[in-house]
């Protein structure tokens, strides 16, 4: 965010807030449909893919506006994904802890790599 005009700052804060509202509500919906460890794994893996798309798109293509990327990443994805719930659920499910940690990290990294490949396929990356 390079524009420091007060209205530009307010616009950015509102966009991040709208993104956060949407992301947290979608996460709430997913938790209702797929509660517990599987739901948290799903939102974290999907969020990793989506964040990877935003970051690689900005780096390699650059079509999205900075405000759009900020609202989607800081607003939407930061409230859609959840590290704290992942940590709490892992601590409470001792019998699944190792598998849960491995699955979250493996699918998170796989999501970022898949996002990079998808952006390269669309944008003709190197």
Foldseek 3Di string as FASTA:
>chain_A
DPDPPPVVVVVLVVLLQVLQVVQLVVLVVLCVVPNALVSLLVQLLQLLLVLLLLVLCCVQPNPDDPSVSSSNNNRRSVNNHDPPSLVVSLVVCVVCNVVSVVSSVVSSVVSNVVSNVVSCVVRVGD
